[in-house]
């Protein structure tokens, strides 16, 4: 049995699943992972993901540095 995909995403963490979701309406996508998606590094971060919010100025990497 053969399967044809327009895109193959390796990894089912946050970035991989977001990429697959963005492509899903446009092409045939497969997601390959060695772990269940809930065991990804994104899920394991548990608060280790930082976002610079409520800044007066436009978002910049320097704000993320100060937040972490």
C-alpha atoms as a PDB file:
ATOM      1  CA  UNK A   1       0.000   0.000   0.000  1.00  0.00           C
ATOM      2  CA  UNK A   2       1.380   3.392  -1.004  1.00  0.00           C
ATOM      3  CA  UNK A   3       0.401   6.842   0.198  1.00  0.00           C
ATOM      4  CA  UNK A   4       1.143  10.116  -1.549  1.00  0.00           C
ATOM      5  CA  UNK A   5       1.500  13.357   0.370  1.00  0.00           C
ATOM      6  CA  UNK A   6       2.247  16.871  -0.780  1.00  0.00           C
ATOM      7  CA  UNK A   7       3.900  17.671   2.560  1.00  0.00           C
ATOM      8  CA  UNK A   8       5.335  15.530   5.357  1.00  0.00           C
ATOM      9  CA  UNK A   9       5.792  17.195   8.747  1.00  0.00           C
ATOM     10  CA  UNK A  10       8.358  15.552  11.046  1.00  0.00           C
ATOM     11  CA  UNK A  11       7.404  16.177  14.672  1.00  0.00           C
ATOM     12  CA  UNK A  12       4.023  16.664  16.304  1.00  0.00           C
ATOM     13  CA  UNK A  13       4.912  19.400  18.764  1.00  0.00           C
ATOM     14  CA  UNK A  14       3.380  22.841  18.655  1.00  0.00           C
ATOM     15  CA  UNK A  15       5.253  23.957  15.537  1.00  0.00           C
ATOM     16  CA  UNK A  16       4.685  20.706  13.644  1.00  0.00           C
ATOM     17  CA  UNK A  17       0.958  20.609  14.343  1.00  0.00           C
ATOM     18  CA  UNK A  18       0.594  24.303  13.497  1.00  0.00           C
ATOM     19  CA  UNK A  19       2.375  23.760  10.185  1.00  0.00           C
ATOM     20  CA  UNK A  20       0.139  20.768   9.436  1.00  0.00           C
ATOM     21  CA  UNK A  21      -2.994  22.739  10.304  1.00  0.00           C
ATOM     22  CA  UNK A  22      -1.943  25.609   8.026  1.00  0.00           C
ATOM     23  CA  UNK A  23      -1.256  23.253   5.117  1.00  0.00           C
ATOM     24  CA  UNK A  24      -4.233  20.934   5.628  1.00  0.00           C
ATOM     25  CA  UNK A  25      -6.674  23.013   3.609  1.00  0.00           C
ATOM     26  CA  UNK A  26      -4.248  23.429   0.730  1.00  0.00           C
ATOM     27  CA  UNK A  27      -2.649  20.010   0.269  1.00  0.00           C
ATOM     28  CA  UNK A  28      -2.467  16.417   1.493  1.00  0.00           C
ATOM     29  CA  UNK A  29      -0.374  16.412   4.705  1.00  0.00           C
ATOM     30  CA  UNK A  30       1.144  13.681   6.888  1.00  0.00           C
ATOM     31  CA  UNK A  31       2.549  14.212  10.395  1.00  0.00           C
ATOM     32  CA  UNK A  32       5.218  11.766  11.573  1.00  0.00           C
ATOM     33  CA  UNK A  33       6.245  11.596  15.222  1.00  0.00           C
ATOM     34  CA  UNK A  34       8.090   9.174  17.477  1.00  0.00           C
ATOM     35  CA  UNK A  35       5.952  10.148  20.490  1.00  0.00           C
ATOM     36  CA  UNK A  36       2.296  10.854  21.128  1.00  0.00           C
ATOM     37  CA  UNK A  37       1.676  14.586  20.493  1.00  0.00           C
ATOM     38  CA  UNK A  38       0.865  15.192  24.168  1.00  0.00           C
ATOM     39  CA  UNK A  39       4.380  13.988  25.077  1.00  0.00           C
ATOM     40  CA  UNK A  40       6.118  16.490  22.784  1.00  0.00           C
ATOM     41  CA  UNK A  41       8.667  19.009  24.049  1.00  0.00           C
ATOM     42  CA  UNK A  42       6.038  21.716  23.625  1.00  0.00           C
ATOM     43  CA  UNK A  43       3.780  19.900  26.079  1.00  0.00           C
ATOM     44  CA  UNK A  44       6.692  19.219  28.420  1.00  0.00           C
ATOM     45  CA  UNK A  45       7.686  22.907  28.563  1.00  0.00           C
ATOM     46  CA  UNK A  46       4.904  23.639  31.104  1.00  0.00           C
ATOM     47  CA  UNK A  47       5.379  27.350  31.414  1.00  0.00           C
ATOM     48  CA  UNK A  48       8.737  27.528  29.684  1.00  0.00           C
ATOM     49  CA  UNK A  49       7.247  29.248  26.663  1.00  0.00           C
ATOM     50  CA  UNK A  50       7.639  33.015  26.931  1.00  0.00           C
ATOM     51  CA  UNK A  51       5.714  35.777  25.225  1.00  0.00           C
ATOM     52  CA  UNK A  52       6.251  39.503  25.531  1.00  0.00           C
ATOM     53  CA  UNK A  53       2.781  40.970  26.035  1.00  0.00           C
ATOM     54  CA  UNK A  54       1.353  44.420  26.713  1.00  0.00           C
ATOM     55  CA  UNK A  55       4.386  46.326  25.480  1.00  0.00           C
ATOM     56  CA  UNK A  56       3.848  49.878  24.303  1.00  0.00           C
ATOM     57  CA  UNK A  57       6.337  49.398  21.473  1.00  0.00           C
ATOM     58  CA  UNK A  58       6.149  46.850  18.651  1.00  0.00           C
ATOM     59  CA  UNK A  59       7.190  43.306  19.613  1.00  0.00           C
ATOM     60  CA  UNK A  60      10.957  42.763  19.538  1.00  0.00           C
ATOM     61  CA  UNK A  61      13.304  39.946  20.613  1.00  0.00           C
ATOM     62  CA  UNK A  62      14.756  42.142  23.335  1.00  0.00           C
ATOM     63  CA  UNK A  63      11.400  42.103  25.208  1.00  0.00           C
ATOM     64  CA  UNK A  64      11.491  38.299  25.172  1.00  0.00           C
ATOM     65  CA  UNK A  65      15.000  38.393  26.625  1.00  0.00           C
ATOM     66  CA  UNK A  66      13.819  40.583  29.514  1.00  0.00           C
ATOM     67  CA  UNK A  67      10.775  38.334  30.135  1.00  0.00           C
ATOM     68  CA  UNK A  68      12.867  35.174  30.562  1.00  0.00           C
END
